[in-house]
């Protein structure tokens, strides 16, 4: 995909309820237990990222917090220069395995 090509539009968004239902169907916990498990998992990831730590999920990817310094930006409409304050941003870096799956490539361990 080049910069001029639009990203593929997703037809479905997975929600917390969908994740809870998947846990219910595949693990066999009650719906309430499944919902609580999903909430605990997401809360732990959020808390870890908030502390500035990296969350690495093997075969999936990493959530990394980066610090961006102050810089000068430009209002595209008026052309006026505006200072952009320093901030922390969260970046997701997919694993090579996830990248291969997204691109429909066969993984070495799949037969």
PDB file of N, CA and C in Angstrom:
ATOM      1  N   UNK A   1       0.840  -1.173   0.000  1.00  0.00           N
ATOM      2  CA  UNK A   1       0.000   0.000   0.000  1.00  0.00           C
ATOM      3  C   UNK A   1       0.888   1.240   0.000  1.00  0.00           C
ATOM      4  N   UNK A   2       0.585   2.161  -0.866  1.00  0.00           N
ATOM      5  CA  UNK A   2       1.339   3.405  -0.901  1.00  0.00           C
ATOM      6  C   UNK A   2       0.586   4.466  -0.126  1.00  0.00           C
ATOM      7  N   UNK A   3       1.243   5.611   0.091  1.00  0.00           N
ATOM      8  CA  UNK A   3       0.616   6.677   0.866  1.00  0.00           C
ATOM      9  C   UNK A   3      -0.643   7.201   0.190  1.00  0.00           C
ATOM     10  N   UNK A   4      -0.722   7.111  -1.136  1.00  0.00           N
ATOM     11  CA  UNK A   4      -1.880   7.639  -1.841  1.00  0.00           C
ATOM     12  C   UNK A   4      -3.076   6.689  -1.801  1.00  0.00           C
ATOM     13  N   UNK A   5      -2.834   5.403  -1.499  1.00  0.00           N
ATOM     14  CA  UNK A   5      -3.927   4.438  -1.430  1.00  0.00           C
ATOM     15  C   UNK A   5      -4.610   4.499  -0.076  1.00  0.00           C
ATOM     16  N   UNK A   6      -5.946   4.505  -0.058  1.00  0.00           N
ATOM     17  CA  UNK A   6      -6.639   4.506   1.231  1.00  0.00           C
ATOM     18  C   UNK A   6      -6.510   3.151   1.915  1.00  0.00           C
ATOM     19  N   UNK A   7      -6.561   3.173   3.233  1.00  0.00           N
ATOM     20  CA  UNK A   7      -6.509   1.925   3.997  1.00  0.00           C
ATOM     21  C   UNK A   7      -7.798   1.140   3.756  1.00  0.00           C
ATOM     22  N   UNK A   8      -7.704  -0.179   3.828  1.00  0.00           N
ATOM     23  CA  UNK A   8      -8.889  -1.010   3.654  1.00  0.00           C
ATOM     24  C   UNK A   8      -9.881  -0.717   4.762  1.00  0.00           C
ATOM     25  N   UNK A   9     -11.126  -0.564   4.390  1.00  0.00           N
ATOM     26  CA  UNK A   9     -12.152  -0.229   5.372  1.00  0.00           C
ATOM     27  C   UNK A   9     -12.654  -1.508   6.034  1.00  0.00           C
ATOM     28  N   UNK A  10     -12.659  -1.492   7.356  1.00  0.00           N
ATOM     29  CA  UNK A  10     -13.127  -2.636   8.106  1.00  0.00           C
ATOM     30  C   UNK A  10     -14.650  -2.645   8.114  1.00  0.00           C
ATOM     31  N   UNK A  11     -15.213  -3.816   8.024  1.00  0.00           N
ATOM     32  CA  UNK A  11     -16.668  -3.907   8.029  1.00  0.00           C
ATOM     33  C   UNK A  11     -17.210  -4.177   9.429  1.00  0.00           C
ATOM     34  N   UNK A  12     -16.345  -4.502  10.363  1.00  0.00           N
ATOM     35  CA  UNK A  12     -16.802  -4.856  11.706  1.00  0.00           C
ATOM     36  C   UNK A  12     -15.795  -4.379  12.737  1.00  0.00           C
ATOM     37  N   UNK A  13     -16.305  -3.925  13.864  1.00  0.00           N
ATOM     38  CA  UNK A  13     -15.472  -3.531  14.992  1.00  0.00           C
ATOM     39  C   UNK A  13     -15.729  -4.498  16.134  1.00  0.00           C
ATOM     40  N   UNK A  14     -14.677  -5.031  16.714  1.00  0.00           N
ATOM     41  CA  UNK A  14     -14.806  -5.951  17.841  1.00  0.00           C
ATOM     42  C   UNK A  14     -14.877  -5.131  19.124  1.00  0.00           C
ATOM     43  N   UNK A  15     -15.872  -5.410  19.940  1.00  0.00           N
ATOM     44  CA  UNK A  15     -16.082  -4.687  21.189  1.00  0.00           C
ATOM     45  C   UNK A  15     -15.715  -5.554  22.392  1.00  0.00           C
ATOM     46  N   UNK A  16     -15.739  -4.936  23.566  1.00  0.00           N
ATOM     47  CA  UNK A  16     -15.508  -5.709  24.797  1.00  0.00           C
ATOM     48  C   UNK A  16     -16.536  -6.826  24.928  1.00  0.00           C
ATOM     49  N   UNK A  17     -17.758  -6.533  24.570  1.00  0.00           N
ATOM     50  CA  UNK A  17     -18.814  -7.550  24.644  1.00  0.00           C
ATOM     51  C   UNK A  17     -18.496  -8.721  23.716  1.00  0.00           C
ATOM     52  N   UNK A  18     -17.970  -8.426  22.531  1.00  0.00           N
ATOM     53  CA  UNK A  18     -17.588  -9.488  21.596  1.00  0.00           C
ATOM     54  C   UNK A  18     -16.449 -10.340  22.167  1.00  0.00           C
ATOM     55  N   UNK A  19     -15.468  -9.678  22.777  1.00  0.00           N
ATOM     56  CA  UNK A  19     -14.368 -10.417  23.398  1.00  0.00           C
ATOM     57  C   UNK A  19     -14.880 -11.297  24.538  1.00  0.00           C
ATOM     58  N   UNK A  20     -15.767 -10.739  25.351  1.00  0.00           N
ATOM     59  CA  UNK A  20     -16.344 -11.514  26.459  1.00  0.00           C
ATOM     60  C   UNK A  20     -17.115 -12.718  25.942  1.00  0.00           C
ATOM     61  N   UNK A  21     -17.872 -12.525  24.871  1.00  0.00           N
ATOM     62  CA  UNK A  21     -18.646 -13.626  24.283  1.00  0.00           C
ATOM     63  C   UNK A  21     -17.708 -14.709  23.737  1.00  0.00           C
ATOM     64  N   UNK A  22     -16.595 -14.294  23.127  1.00  0.00           N
ATOM     65  CA  UNK A  22     -15.633 -15.272  22.610  1.00  0.00           C
ATOM     66  C   UNK A  22     -15.029 -16.088  23.747  1.00  0.00           C
ATOM     67  N   UNK A  23     -14.698 -15.432  24.865  1.00  0.00           N
ATOM     68  CA  UNK A  23     -14.166 -16.151  26.027  1.00  0.00           C
ATOM     69  C   UNK A  23     -15.231 -17.119  26.553  1.00  0.00           C
ATOM     70  N   UNK A  24     -16.460 -16.646  26.634  1.00  0.00           N
ATOM     71  CA  UNK A  24     -17.575 -17.495  27.093  1.00  0.00           C
ATOM     72  C   UNK A  24     -17.704 -18.737  26.211  1.00  0.00           C
ATOM     73  N   UNK A  25     -17.674 -18.539  24.887  1.00  0.00           N
ATOM     74  CA  UNK A  25     -17.863 -19.653  23.949  1.00  0.00           C
ATOM     75  C   UNK A  25     -16.684 -20.630  23.948  1.00  0.00           C
ATOM     76  N   UNK A  26     -15.461 -20.103  24.035  1.00  0.00           N
ATOM     77  CA  UNK A  26     -14.276 -20.954  23.848  1.00  0.00           C
ATOM     78  C   UNK A  26     -13.692 -21.503  25.138  1.00  0.00           C
ATOM     79  N   UNK A  27     -13.861 -20.779  26.239  1.00  0.00           N
ATOM     80  CA  UNK A  27     -13.247 -21.215  27.494  1.00  0.00           C
ATOM     81  C   UNK A  27     -14.259 -21.927  28.384  1.00  0.00           C
ATOM     82  N   UNK A  28     -15.501 -21.505  28.301  1.00  0.00           N
ATOM     83  CA  UNK A  28     -16.532 -22.170  29.089  1.00  0.00           C
ATOM     84  C   UNK A  28     -16.819 -21.513  30.425  1.00  0.00           C
ATOM     85  N   UNK A  29     -16.282 -20.319  30.658  1.00  0.00           N
ATOM     86  CA  UNK A  29     -16.641 -19.590  31.886  1.00  0.00           C
ATOM     87  C   UNK A  29     -18.049 -19.047  31.723  1.00  0.00           C
ATOM     88  N   UNK A  30     -18.641 -18.611  32.817  1.00  0.00           N
ATOM     89  CA  UNK A  30     -19.950 -17.973  32.715  1.00  0.00           C
ATOM     90  C   UNK A  30     -19.780 -16.645  31.988  1.00  0.00           C
ATOM     91  N   UNK A  31     -20.897 -16.080  31.532  1.00  0.00           N
ATOM     92  CA  UNK A  31     -20.808 -14.784  30.837  1.00  0.00           C
ATOM     93  C   UNK A  31     -20.253 -13.704  31.765  1.00  0.00           C
ATOM     94  N   UNK A  32     -20.668 -13.723  33.016  1.00  0.00           N
ATOM     95  CA  UNK A  32     -20.175 -12.724  33.980  1.00  0.00           C
ATOM     96  C   UNK A  32     -18.678 -12.905  34.224  1.00  0.00           C
ATOM     97  N   UNK A  33     -18.234 -14.143  34.393  1.00  0.00           N
ATOM     98  CA  UNK A  33     -16.810 -14.408  34.596  1.00  0.00           C
ATOM     99  C   UNK A  33     -15.992 -14.030  33.363  1.00  0.00           C
ATOM    100  N   UNK A  34     -16.541 -14.301  32.185  1.00  0.00           N
ATOM    101  CA  UNK A  34     -15.860 -13.954  30.935  1.00  0.00           C
ATOM    102  C   UNK A  34     -15.705 -12.442  30.809  1.00  0.00           C
ATOM    103  N   UNK A  35     -16.761 -11.696  31.122  1.00  0.00           N
ATOM    104  CA  UNK A  35     -16.708 -10.233  31.056  1.00  0.00           C
ATOM    105  C   UNK A  35     -15.688  -9.697  32.055  1.00  0.00           C
ATOM    106  N   UNK A  36     -15.661 -10.257  33.255  1.00  0.00           N
ATOM    107  CA  UNK A  36     -14.712  -9.815  34.281  1.00  0.00           C
ATOM    108  C   UNK A  36     -13.273 -10.122  33.861  1.00  0.00           C
ATOM    109  N   UNK A  37     -13.045 -11.284  33.266  1.00  0.00           N
ATOM    110  CA  UNK A  37     -11.712 -11.653  32.800  1.00  0.00           C
ATOM    111  C   UNK A  37     -11.225 -10.672  31.732  1.00  0.00           C
ATOM    112  N   UNK A  38     -12.073 -10.330  30.782  1.00  0.00           N
ATOM    113  CA  UNK A  38     -11.705  -9.366  29.737  1.00  0.00           C
ATOM    114  C   UNK A  38     -11.393  -8.010  30.362  1.00  0.00           C
ATOM    115  N   UNK A  39     -12.217  -7.564  31.316  1.00  0.00           N
ATOM    116  CA  UNK A  39     -11.985  -6.278  31.986  1.00  0.00           C
ATOM    117  C   UNK A  39     -10.658  -6.261  32.738  1.00  0.00           C
ATOM    118  N   UNK A  40     -10.349  -7.331  33.451  1.00  0.00           N
ATOM    119  CA  UNK A  40      -9.081  -7.421  34.190  1.00  0.00           C
ATOM    120  C   UNK A  40      -7.902  -7.370  33.225  1.00  0.00           C
ATOM    121  N   UNK A  41      -8.000  -8.110  32.132  1.00  0.00           N
ATOM    122  CA  UNK A  41      -6.932  -8.145  31.131  1.00  0.00           C
ATOM    123  C   UNK A  41      -6.697  -6.751  30.537  1.00  0.00           C
ATOM    124  N   UNK A  42      -7.759  -6.080  30.113  1.00  0.00           N
ATOM    125  CA  UNK A  42      -7.622  -4.748  29.517  1.00  0.00           C
ATOM    126  C   UNK A  42      -7.151  -3.714  30.538  1.00  0.00           C
ATOM    127  N   UNK A  43      -7.620  -3.828  31.780  1.00  0.00           N
ATOM    128  CA  UNK A  43      -7.195  -2.904  32.839  1.00  0.00           C
ATOM    129  C   UNK A  43      -5.700  -3.064  33.119  1.00  0.00           C
ATOM    130  N   UNK A  44      -5.223  -4.293  33.148  1.00  0.00           N
ATOM    131  CA  UNK A  44      -3.797  -4.539  33.393  1.00  0.00           C
ATOM    132  C   UNK A  44      -2.936  -3.953  32.275  1.00  0.00           C
ATOM    133  N   UNK A  45      -3.362  -4.128  31.029  1.00  0.00           N
ATOM    134  CA  UNK A  45      -2.636  -3.540  29.911  1.00  0.00           C
ATOM    135  C   UNK A  45      -2.640  -2.015  30.027  1.00  0.00           C
ATOM    136  N   UNK A  46      -3.812  -1.432  30.301  1.00  0.00           N
ATOM    137  CA  UNK A  46      -3.927   0.030  30.425  1.00  0.00           C
ATOM    138  C   UNK A  46      -3.060   0.572  31.551  1.00  0.00           C
ATOM    139  N   UNK A  47      -3.101  -0.080  32.701  1.00  0.00           N
ATOM    140  CA  UNK A  47      -2.310   0.376  33.850  1.00  0.00           C
ATOM    141  C   UNK A  47      -0.811   0.316  33.550  1.00  0.00           C
ATOM    142  N   UNK A  48      -0.382  -0.742  32.887  1.00  0.00           N
ATOM    143  CA  UNK A  48       1.032  -0.911  32.559  1.00  0.00           C
ATOM    144  C   UNK A  48       1.487   0.164  31.573  1.00  0.00           C
ATOM    145  N   UNK A  49       0.685   0.416  30.549  1.00  0.00           N
ATOM    146  CA  UNK A  49       1.025   1.447  29.564  1.00  0.00           C
ATOM    147  C   UNK A  49       1.041   2.823  30.219  1.00  0.00           C
ATOM    148  N   UNK A  50       0.090   3.086  31.108  1.00  0.00           N
ATOM    149  CA  UNK A  50       0.023   4.374  31.801  1.00  0.00           C
ATOM    150  C   UNK A  50       1.285   4.637  32.610  1.00  0.00           C
ATOM    151  N   UNK A  51       1.870   3.587  33.178  1.00  0.00           N
ATOM    152  CA  UNK A  51       3.117   3.730  33.940  1.00  0.00           C
ATOM    153  C   UNK A  51       4.323   3.935  33.024  1.00  0.00           C
ATOM    154  N   UNK A  52       4.117   3.884  31.721  1.00  0.00           N
ATOM    155  CA  UNK A  52       5.209   4.081  30.773  1.00  0.00           C
ATOM    156  C   UNK A  52       5.962   2.816  30.434  1.00  0.00           C
ATOM    157  N   UNK A  53       5.433   1.677  30.838  1.00  0.00           N
ATOM    158  CA  UNK A  53       6.077   0.398  30.569  1.00  0.00           C
ATOM    159  C   UNK A  53       5.588  -0.173  29.239  1.00  0.00           C
ATOM    160  N   UNK A  54       6.379  -1.060  28.645  1.00  0.00           N
ATOM    161  CA  UNK A  54       6.014  -1.720  27.398  1.00  0.00           C
ATOM    162  C   UNK A  54       5.218  -2.982  27.694  1.00  0.00           C
ATOM    163  N   UNK A  55       4.177  -3.225  26.912  1.00  0.00           N
ATOM    164  CA  UNK A  55       3.410  -4.465  27.006  1.00  0.00           C
ATOM    165  C   UNK A  55       3.719  -5.266  25.748  1.00  0.00           C
ATOM    166  N   UNK A  56       4.321  -6.444  25.922  1.00  0.00           N
ATOM    167  CA  UNK A  56       4.672  -7.293  24.790  1.00  0.00           C
ATOM    168  C   UNK A  56       3.866  -8.572  24.868  1.00  0.00           C
ATOM    169  N   UNK A  57       3.075  -8.823  23.831  1.00  0.00           N
ATOM    170  CA  UNK A  57       2.276 -10.038  23.740  1.00  0.00           C
ATOM    171  C   UNK A  57       2.863 -10.880  22.614  1.00  0.00           C
ATOM    172  N   UNK A  58       3.494 -11.985  22.985  1.00  0.00           N
ATOM    173  CA  UNK A  58       4.170 -12.844  22.030  1.00  0.00           C
ATOM    174  C   UNK A  58       3.234 -13.235  20.888  1.00  0.00           C
ATOM    175  N   UNK A  59       3.737 -13.212  19.668  1.00  0.00           N
ATOM    176  CA  UNK A  59       3.011 -13.544  18.435  1.00  0.00           C
ATOM    177  C   UNK A  59       1.926 -12.536  18.090  1.00  0.00           C
ATOM    178  N   UNK A  60       1.811 -11.453  18.853  1.00  0.00           N
ATOM    179  CA  UNK A  60       0.804 -10.428  18.571  1.00  0.00           C
ATOM    180  C   UNK A  60       1.471  -9.087  18.315  1.00  0.00           C
ATOM    181  N   UNK A  61       2.173  -8.552  19.324  1.00  0.00           N
ATOM    182  CA  UNK A  61       2.859  -7.282  19.143  1.00  0.00           C
ATOM    183  C   UNK A  61       3.153  -6.621  20.469  1.00  0.00           C
ATOM    184  N   UNK A  62       3.623  -5.383  20.390  1.00  0.00           N
ATOM    185  CA  UNK A  62       4.004  -4.626  21.583  1.00  0.00           C
ATOM    186  C   UNK A  62       3.328  -3.264  21.588  1.00  0.00           C
ATOM    187  N   UNK A  63       2.910  -2.847  22.777  1.00  0.00           N
ATOM    188  CA  UNK A  63       2.402  -1.507  23.005  1.00  0.00           C
ATOM    189  C   UNK A  63       3.519  -0.750  23.697  1.00  0.00           C
ATOM    190  N   UNK A  64       4.014   0.312  23.068  1.00  0.00           N
ATOM    191  CA  UNK A  64       5.161   1.049  23.559  1.00  0.00           C
ATOM    192  C   UNK A  64       4.769   2.503  23.772  1.00  0.00           C
ATOM    193  N   UNK A  65       5.218   3.104  24.891  1.00  0.00           N
ATOM    194  CA  UNK A  65       4.991   4.520  25.145  1.00  0.00           C
ATOM    195  C   UNK A  65       6.236   5.274  24.715  1.00  0.00           C
ATOM    196  N   UNK A  66       6.039   6.308  23.894  1.00  0.00           N
ATOM    197  CA  UNK A  66       7.149   7.144  23.429  1.00  0.00           C
ATOM    198  C   UNK A  66       6.913   8.573  23.895  1.00  0.00           C
ATOM    199  N   UNK A  67       7.996   9.264  24.177  1.00  0.00           N
ATOM    200  CA  UNK A  67       7.916  10.683  24.536  1.00  0.00           C
ATOM    201  C   UNK A  67       8.249  11.503  23.301  1.00  0.00           C
ATOM    202  N   UNK A  68       7.382  12.461  23.008  1.00  0.00           N
ATOM    203  CA  UNK A  68       7.624  13.370  21.892  1.00  0.00           C
ATOM    204  C   UNK A  68       7.969  14.738  22.460  1.00  0.00           C
ATOM    205  N   UNK A  69       9.007  15.334  21.957  1.00  0.00           N
ATOM    206  CA  UNK A  69       9.452  16.633  22.439  1.00  0.00           C
ATOM    207  C   UNK A  69       8.620  17.772  21.878  1.00  0.00           C
ATOM    208  N   UNK A  70       8.849  18.950  22.432  1.00  0.00           N
ATOM    209  CA  UNK A  70       8.155  20.131  21.934  1.00  0.00           C
ATOM    210  C   UNK A  70       8.655  20.450  20.531  1.00  0.00           C
ATOM    211  N   UNK A  71       7.749  20.924  19.690  1.00  0.00           N
ATOM    212  CA  UNK A  71       8.126  21.292  18.336  1.00  0.00           C
ATOM    213  C   UNK A  71       7.189  22.378  17.831  1.00  0.00           C
ATOM    214  N   UNK A  72       7.537  22.926  16.721  1.00  0.00           N
ATOM    215  CA  UNK A  72       6.706  23.960  16.108  1.00  0.00           C
ATOM    216  C   UNK A  72       5.886  23.319  14.999  1.00  0.00           C
ATOM    217  N   UNK A  73       4.581  23.534  15.055  1.00  0.00           N
ATOM    218  CA  UNK A  73       3.685  23.053  14.022  1.00  0.00           C
ATOM    219  C   UNK A  73       3.124  24.228  13.253  1.00  0.00           C
ATOM    220  N   UNK A  74       2.359  23.924  12.237  1.00  0.00           N
ATOM    221  CA  UNK A  74       1.782  24.990  11.427  1.00  0.00           C
ATOM    222  C   UNK A  74       0.311  24.676  11.198  1.00  0.00           C
ATOM    223  N   UNK A  75      -0.544  25.659  11.454  1.00  0.00           N
ATOM    224  CA  UNK A  75      -1.962  25.521  11.170  1.00  0.00           C
ATOM    225  C   UNK A  75      -2.115  25.468   9.651  1.00  0.00           C
ATOM    226  N   UNK A  76      -2.599  24.359   9.093  1.00  0.00           N
ATOM    227  CA  UNK A  76      -2.658  24.235   7.634  1.00  0.00           C
ATOM    228  C   UNK A  76      -3.637  25.227   6.987  1.00  0.00           C
ATOM    229  N   UNK A  77      -4.626  25.651   7.730  1.00  0.00           N
ATOM    230  CA  UNK A  77      -5.617  26.569   7.179  1.00  0.00           C
ATOM    231  C   UNK A  77      -5.097  28.006   7.115  1.00  0.00           C
ATOM    232  N   UNK A  78      -4.414  28.442   8.180  1.00  0.00           N
ATOM    233  CA  UNK A  78      -3.966  29.837   8.253  1.00  0.00           C
ATOM    234  C   UNK A  78      -2.476  29.999   8.012  1.00  0.00           C
ATOM    235  N   UNK A  79      -1.702  28.924   8.159  1.00  0.00           N
ATOM    236  CA  UNK A  79      -0.261  29.011   7.997  1.00  0.00           C
ATOM    237  C   UNK A  79       0.466  29.555   9.217  1.00  0.00           C
ATOM    238  N   UNK A  80      -0.264  29.815  10.299  1.00  0.00           N
ATOM    239  CA  UNK A  80       0.327  30.371  11.518  1.00  0.00           C
ATOM    240  C   UNK A  80       1.090  29.275  12.257  1.00  0.00           C
ATOM    241  N   UNK A  81       2.321  29.597  12.698  1.00  0.00           N
ATOM    242  CA  UNK A  81       3.115  28.640  13.471  1.00  0.00           C
ATOM    243  C   UNK A  81       2.565  28.557  14.890  1.00  0.00           C
ATOM    244  N   UNK A  82       2.497  27.322  15.403  1.00  0.00           N
ATOM    245  CA  UNK A  82       1.949  27.065  16.725  1.00  0.00           C
ATOM    246  C   UNK A  82       2.878  26.094  17.450  1.00  0.00           C
ATOM    247  N   UNK A  83       3.231  26.387  18.719  1.00  0.00           N
ATOM    248  CA  UNK A  83       4.055  25.416  19.450  1.00  0.00           C
ATOM    249  C   UNK A  83       3.219  24.194  19.849  1.00  0.00           C
ATOM    250  N   UNK A  84       3.802  23.018  19.652  1.00  0.00           N
ATOM    251  CA  UNK A  84       3.148  21.771  20.067  1.00  0.00           C
ATOM    252  C   UNK A  84       3.872  21.299  21.309  1.00  0.00           C
ATOM    253  N   UNK A  85       3.137  21.143  22.395  1.00  0.00           N
ATOM    254  CA  UNK A  85       3.727  20.801  23.686  1.00  0.00           C
ATOM    255  C   UNK A  85       4.242  19.364  23.708  1.00  0.00           C
ATOM    256  N   UNK A  86       5.233  19.091  24.564  1.00  0.00           N
ATOM    257  CA  UNK A  86       5.727  17.710  24.691  1.00  0.00           C
ATOM    258  C   UNK A  86       4.611  16.805  25.214  1.00  0.00           C
ATOM    259  N   UNK A  87       4.632  15.569  24.784  1.00  0.00           N
ATOM    260  CA  UNK A  87       3.603  14.633  25.226  1.00  0.00           C
ATOM    261  C   UNK A  87       4.093  13.204  25.069  1.00  0.00           C
ATOM    262  N   UNK A  88       3.355  12.306  25.679  1.00  0.00           N
ATOM    263  CA  UNK A  88       3.635  10.877  25.547  1.00  0.00           C
ATOM    264  C   UNK A  88       2.577  10.285  24.635  1.00  0.00           C
ATOM    265  N   UNK A  89       3.004   9.395  23.755  1.00  0.00           N
ATOM    266  CA  UNK A  89       2.077   8.735  22.844  1.00  0.00           C
ATOM    267  C   UNK A  89       2.271   7.226  22.939  1.00  0.00           C
ATOM    268  N   UNK A  90       1.218   6.492  22.666  1.00  0.00           N
ATOM    269  CA  UNK A  90       1.280   5.043  22.678  1.00  0.00           C
ATOM    270  C   UNK A  90       1.322   4.561  21.233  1.00  0.00           C
ATOM    271  N   UNK A  91       2.241   3.641  20.963  1.00  0.00           N
ATOM    272  CA  UNK A  91       2.426   3.096  19.626  1.00  0.00           C
ATOM    273  C   UNK A  91       2.271   1.584  19.715  1.00  0.00           C
ATOM    274  N   UNK A  92       1.592   0.997  18.709  1.00  0.00           N
ATOM    275  CA  UNK A  92       1.497  -0.455  18.626  1.00  0.00           C
ATOM    276  C   UNK A  92       2.422  -0.926  17.529  1.00  0.00           C
ATOM    277  N   UNK A  93       3.290  -1.888  17.864  1.00  0.00           N
ATOM    278  CA  UNK A  93       4.207  -2.472  16.892  1.00  0.00           C
ATOM    279  C   UNK A  93       3.820  -3.941  16.721  1.00  0.00           C
ATOM    280  N   UNK A  94       3.227  -4.314  15.592  1.00  0.00           N
ATOM    281  CA  UNK A  94       2.825  -5.708  15.407  1.00  0.00           C
ATOM    282  C   UNK A  94       4.030  -6.633  15.281  1.00  0.00           C
ATOM    283  N   UNK A  95       3.853  -7.861  15.732  1.00  0.00           N
ATOM    284  CA  UNK A  95       4.924  -8.852  15.607  1.00  0.00           C
ATOM    285  C   UNK A  95       5.047  -9.292  14.146  1.00  0.00           C
ATOM    286  N   UNK A  96       6.156  -9.895  13.818  1.00  0.00           N
ATOM    287  CA  UNK A  96       6.338 -10.411  12.461  1.00  0.00           C
ATOM    288  C   UNK A  96       5.308 -11.480  12.135  1.00  0.00           C
ATOM    289  N   UNK A  97       4.914 -12.252  13.132  1.00  0.00           N
ATOM    290  CA  UNK A  97       3.899 -13.289  12.925  1.00  0.00           C
ATOM    291  C   UNK A  97       2.560 -12.658  12.570  1.00  0.00           C
ATOM    292  N   UNK A  98       2.173 -11.603  13.292  1.00  0.00           N
ATOM    293  CA  UNK A  98       0.911 -10.915  12.999  1.00  0.00           C
ATOM    294  C   UNK A  98       0.967 -10.260  11.627  1.00  0.00           C
ATOM    295  N   UNK A  99       2.092  -9.642  11.297  1.00  0.00           N
ATOM    296  CA  UNK A  99       2.251  -9.028   9.973  1.00  0.00           C
ATOM    297  C   UNK A  99       2.057 -10.066   8.872  1.00  0.00           C
ATOM    298  N   UNK A 100       2.660 -11.236   9.049  1.00  0.00           N
ATOM    299  CA  UNK A 100       2.541 -12.300   8.055  1.00  0.00           C
ATOM    300  C   UNK A 100       1.083 -12.757   7.924  1.00  0.00           C
ATOM    301  N   UNK A 101       0.400 -12.905   9.044  1.00  0.00           N
ATOM    302  CA  UNK A 101      -1.012 -13.331   9.010  1.00  0.00           C
ATOM    303  C   UNK A 101      -1.883 -12.301   8.305  1.00  0.00           C
ATOM    304  N   UNK A 102      -1.632 -11.014   8.574  1.00  0.00           N
ATOM    305  CA  UNK A 102      -2.398  -9.944   7.941  1.00  0.00           C
ATOM    306  C   UNK A 102      -2.211  -9.973   6.431  1.00  0.00           C
ATOM    307  N   UNK A 103      -0.994 -10.278   5.986  1.00  0.00           N
ATOM    308  CA  UNK A 103      -0.684 -10.299   4.564  1.00  0.00           C
ATOM    309  C   UNK A 103      -0.947 -11.647   3.900  1.00  0.00           C
ATOM    310  N   UNK A 104      -1.558 -12.587   4.635  1.00  0.00           N
ATOM    311  CA  UNK A 104      -1.927 -13.876   4.077  1.00  0.00           C
ATOM    312  C   UNK A 104      -0.751 -14.775   3.773  1.00  0.00           C
ATOM    313  N   UNK A 105       0.379 -14.510   4.419  1.00  0.00           N
ATOM    314  CA  UNK A 105       1.562 -15.328   4.196  1.00  0.00           C
ATOM    315  C   UNK A 105       1.515 -16.546   5.109  1.00  0.00           C
ATOM    316  N   UNK A 106       2.020 -17.643   4.587  1.00  0.00           N
ATOM    317  CA  UNK A 106       2.077 -18.864   5.379  1.00  0.00           C
ATOM    318  C   UNK A 106       3.198 -18.733   6.408  1.00  0.00           C
ATOM    319  N   UNK A 107       2.907 -19.082   7.650  1.00  0.00           N
ATOM    320  CA  UNK A 107       3.914 -19.026   8.711  1.00  0.00           C
ATOM    321  C   UNK A 107       4.743 -20.286   8.701  1.00  0.00           C
ATOM    322  N   UNK A 108       6.018 -20.214   9.081  1.00  0.00           N
ATOM    323  CA  UNK A 108       6.899 -21.376   9.045  1.00  0.00           C
ATOM    324  C   UNK A 108       6.381 -22.583   9.817  1.00  0.00           C
ATOM    325  N   UNK A 109       5.666 -22.364  10.930  1.00  0.00           N
ATOM    326  CA  UNK A 109       5.200 -23.491  11.739  1.00  0.00           C
ATOM    327  C   UNK A 109       3.845 -24.030  11.288  1.00  0.00           C
ATOM    328  N   UNK A 110       3.245 -23.447  10.242  1.00  0.00           N
ATOM    329  CA  UNK A 110       1.966 -23.939   9.737  1.00  0.00           C
ATOM    330  C   UNK A 110       2.218 -24.929   8.602  1.00  0.00           C
ATOM    331  N   UNK A 111       1.464 -26.009   8.581  1.00  0.00           N
ATOM    332  CA  UNK A 111       1.610 -27.002   7.487  1.00  0.00           C
ATOM    333  C   UNK A 111       0.352 -27.096   6.709  1.00  0.00           C
TER     334      UNK A 111
END
